[in-house]
Protein backbone atom coordinates (compact mmCIF):
# COMPACT_ATOMS: atom_id res chain seq x y z
CA MET A 1 -0.03 0.05 0.02
CA ILE A 2 1.29 3.61 -1.01
CA VAL A 3 0.91 6.03 1.57
CA PHE A 4 1.02 9.92 0.42
CA THR A 5 1.97 12.52 2.96
CA GLN A 6 1.19 16.04 2.95
CA PRO A 7 3.96 18.52 2.03
CA PRO A 8 4.79 21.25 4.59
CA ALA A 9 2.55 24.31 4.33
CA ILE A 10 3.98 27.36 2.39
CA VAL A 11 3.25 30.44 4.18
CA ILE A 12 3.40 33.72 2.15
CA PRO A 13 3.45 36.42 4.62
CA ASP A 14 2.16 39.41 2.34
CA LEU A 15 -0.85 37.54 1.09
CA PRO A 16 -4.11 38.89 2.15
CA LEU A 17 -6.22 36.74 4.26
CA ILE A 18 -9.61 35.88 2.82
CA GLY A 19 -12.78 35.44 4.96
CA LEU A 20 -14.53 32.04 4.39
CA ASP A 21 -18.01 33.00 5.37
CA ALA A 22 -20.65 30.44 4.97
CA PRO A 23 -22.86 30.96 2.02
CA PRO A 24 -26.55 31.83 2.62
CA PRO A 25 -28.71 28.69 3.39
CA SER A 26 -30.59 29.08 -0.02
CA VAL A 27 -29.59 30.74 -3.02
CA ARG A 28 -32.67 31.46 -5.31
CA LEU A 29 -33.03 33.67 -8.37
CA PRO A 30 -34.21 37.17 -7.46
CA PRO A 31 -38.09 37.80 -7.55
CA ASN A 32 -39.28 38.70 -10.97
CA PHE A 33 -36.19 37.53 -12.71
CA PRO A 34 -35.08 38.54 -15.58
CA ASP A 35 -36.89 41.96 -15.23
CA SER A 36 -35.36 42.58 -11.59
CA ALA A 37 -31.75 41.96 -12.88
CA PRO A 38 -29.63 45.00 -13.57
CA ILE A 39 -29.00 45.48 -17.39
CA PRO A 40 -25.54 43.95 -18.42
CA ARG A 41 -23.04 46.56 -18.91
CA PHE A 42 -21.02 44.67 -21.50
CA LEU A 43 -22.29 43.16 -24.71
CA TYR A 44 -21.13 40.16 -26.75
CA GLY A 45 -18.28 41.30 -29.06
CA ASP A 46 -16.93 44.15 -26.59
CA HIS A 47 -13.45 44.35 -26.06
CA LEU A 48 -12.46 44.40 -22.46
CA GLN A 49 -9.57 44.14 -20.00
CA TRP A 50 -9.25 43.05 -16.37
CA LYS A 51 -8.94 46.09 -14.22
CA PRO A 52 -5.29 46.35 -13.06
CA LEU A 53 -4.39 46.00 -9.36
CA SER A 54 -1.86 48.43 -9.35
CA ASP A 55 -0.11 50.84 -11.85
CA THR A 56 2.38 48.36 -12.89
CA ASP A 57 0.19 45.41 -13.64
CA GLU A 58 -0.17 44.10 -17.00
CA THR A 59 -3.65 42.52 -17.27
CA ASP A 60 -5.36 40.21 -19.68
CA ARG A 61 -7.75 41.37 -22.30
CA GLY A 62 -10.04 39.84 -24.71
CA ILE A 63 -13.71 39.70 -26.35
CA VAL A 64 -17.02 38.98 -24.50
CA ILE A 65 -18.26 35.72 -25.97
CA GLY A 66 -21.01 34.99 -23.24
CA ARG A 67 -22.39 36.11 -20.11
CA PHE A 68 -24.38 34.72 -17.18
CA TYR A 69 -26.30 35.80 -14.09
CA THR A 70 -25.16 33.92 -11.05
CA PHE A 71 -25.01 34.23 -7.31
CA ALA A 72 -21.64 36.18 -6.31
CA SER A 73 -20.81 34.77 -2.78
CA HIS A 74 -18.16 37.27 -2.09
CA ARG A 75 -20.91 40.10 -2.32
CA TYR A 76 -23.85 37.90 -1.17
CA GLN A 77 -25.96 39.03 -4.07
CA TRP A 78 -26.60 38.01 -7.88
CA ALA A 79 -24.28 39.73 -10.49
CA TRP A 80 -23.28 39.26 -14.13
CA LYS A 81 -20.29 37.16 -14.99
CA TYR A 82 -18.56 37.20 -18.31
CA LEU A 83 -17.05 34.59 -20.37
CA ILE A 84 -14.00 36.39 -22.31
CA LEU A 85 -12.00 34.81 -25.02
CA ILE A 86 -8.40 35.74 -24.20
CA ASP A 87 -6.44 37.85 -26.65
CA PRO A 88 -3.33 35.71 -27.91
CA GLU A 89 -1.05 38.57 -26.96
CA SER A 90 -2.34 38.62 -23.19
CA PRO A 91 -0.15 37.44 -20.59
CA GLY A 92 -2.68 34.75 -19.48
CA ALA A 93 -2.85 33.26 -23.14
CA GLN A 94 -0.01 30.92 -22.43
CA PHE A 95 -2.30 29.44 -19.85
CA CYS A 96 -5.94 29.46 -21.15
CA VAL A 97 -8.03 30.39 -24.07
CA ALA A 98 -10.89 31.83 -22.23
CA ASP A 99 -11.64 32.86 -18.62
CA THR A 100 -14.63 34.09 -16.67
CA CYS A 101 -14.81 37.21 -14.83
CA TRP A 102 -17.17 39.24 -12.58
CA GLU A 103 -18.55 42.50 -14.37
CA GLU A 104 -17.16 44.73 -11.47
CA HIS A 105 -13.39 43.42 -12.34
CA LEU A 106 -13.72 44.32 -16.01
CA GLU A 107 -13.23 47.66 -18.03
CA PRO A 108 -13.44 48.59 -21.56
CA LEU A 109 -10.21 48.54 -23.53
CA PRO A 110 -8.82 51.96 -24.15
CA LEU A 111 -9.75 53.10 -27.72
CA GLU A 112 -5.96 53.05 -29.12
CA THR A 113 -5.92 49.33 -28.45
CA ASN A 114 -9.61 48.60 -29.21
CA SER A 115 -9.10 47.49 -32.77
């Protein structure tokens, strides 16, 4: 019999702590969905980028190819989440072709790069 042991924990001192609050006991669509849902900010085909976390961050960018309305447990409310086809020149393109992102973390590409 093979027994696998756990490697020692790696501690990253500058990493912010994340609260792991329990989700609400029931997650149901808001009443009167979809009429009660906010209008999505971005449309299919929009060129977007992830909002940078600092002035030196190089963020991924891409094109909206889908969106869905889902419960955002980090905000305890429903929100739009987008499916983004990653631009081949983006840093993350070496790892994935598409990714999802909450609406609040996206912004339109500046006009000079939006072509």
